[in-house]
Amino acid sequence: MKNIFTLLFTVCLLITQSTNDIFAQGCVAIRGMSHAGATSADFFKQQNGKFQVNAGYRFFRSYKHFRGDHEEKERVEQGTEVINVAHALDLGLTYQPNMRWSISVTLPVQHNDRSSLYEHYGNAITANPEQKRFHTSSKGIGDLRISTSYWLRDPMKMPKFNVAIGGGIKLPTGDKAVEGEFHKLDKEGNDYTIVKPVDQSIQLGDGAVGFFLETQGYLSFTPRTALYFNGFYLSNPKEHNGVNRNPQSATIDPVVGYFAAVDQFAARLGVSQSLGGGFSVLLGGRAEGVPSDDLIGSSKGYRRPGYVISGEPGVAYIKNKFSASLSVPIALYRNRTKSYADKQDVTGKSHGDAAFADYLISFSVSRWF
């Protein structure tokens, strides 16, 4: 019986953590969207009307450029790669009205740094003979998420199979128009700076009200082993957020002049194994990304669509009302797909690139009160 409690607690802790991990994997602006909410093990271990506080930390460093699924290794060799370094902390609070239903609020806090050549003097040796690299950054709160989730079967009866369905709303509390200084050279070779919005991938918010649906579940094979899965889709019906990417320009491009409010998706599948003593290990796979076309509304606006497929090892520990988990998704396949703007090119040759990370570090702790 204790093994079953621990196993289901671990499985649902990890699948809940996975939906908190959806965020920018590099230049493709994938942001955290789901709740830091209750899990099925919480249902087994806790009483009605309890609160859970959760904190989840994430880190990545992206620098490998892809156009489609082709890696442009010359970017790193030549030193012209774009490097994004991201730190994020999700602060969550969950209330459980009953054993099957939970309501959660999550607020991300972010710190992002981006360095490049092309956004400043340029990549070309003629324009940037010293290959100088400059930085832009953003820090502050992200977009607030409010969500709810409901288990279809009574967790207290400890079914071998259970599925939860949920959804929620994303509010545009994060700054959508963080600005930075960009270095330029005049005709005499003197440095000067201009101020404009930083790249979309390090903006704190997307400036739109979004709606998301999600599901998660598990299938127990033995008292110590279970299959887990979850899926997530965020819809941003708004076309763009009104932030002009190049305010110094005399004209605004009708297709990519503003940052798009993009949709996002994620899916996860794996196996969890209880080791006893509150410890468990898991091994799974995950896919996440940004589509080139939104499910609802227009797809105009600047975006870098793409997706990542990763292998994900992880560990978890549960004791009384405390839980912690660590996972390290490792990228196995990366694809910068064609954007809406790329598809407007009748020659079919237009295809932008994006930088991706090799891995992501995600650590989460929670406590019930």
Foldseek 3Di string as FASTA:
>chain_A
DVLLLLQQQVQFQVVLLVLQPFAQQFLFGTHRADFNEDGLSCLQQDFAFWKKKKKKKKWFKWWWKDFFQDTPVVCVVLVFTKIKIKIKMKIKMKTGRHSFKIKMKIKMWIKMKIKGQCQAQHSDCVSVVVSDIDMDIDTGIAWMKIKMKGKPDRSNVVDQKIKMKMKTKTHGPFAQFDKDWGWYADPVRDIDTDIGGDRRNRGRYFQAMKMKIKMKMWGHPDSFKIKIKMKMKIAGQDAGNPGARDPVDPDADPFARGAGPWMKIKMKIWMKGDPDPQKIKIKIKMKIWTDQAGPHHGSGYDGFTWMFIWIKIKMKGDDNFKIKIKIKTFTDTIGRDAHPVCVVPPVNPDTDMIIGGRIMIMMMMMGMD
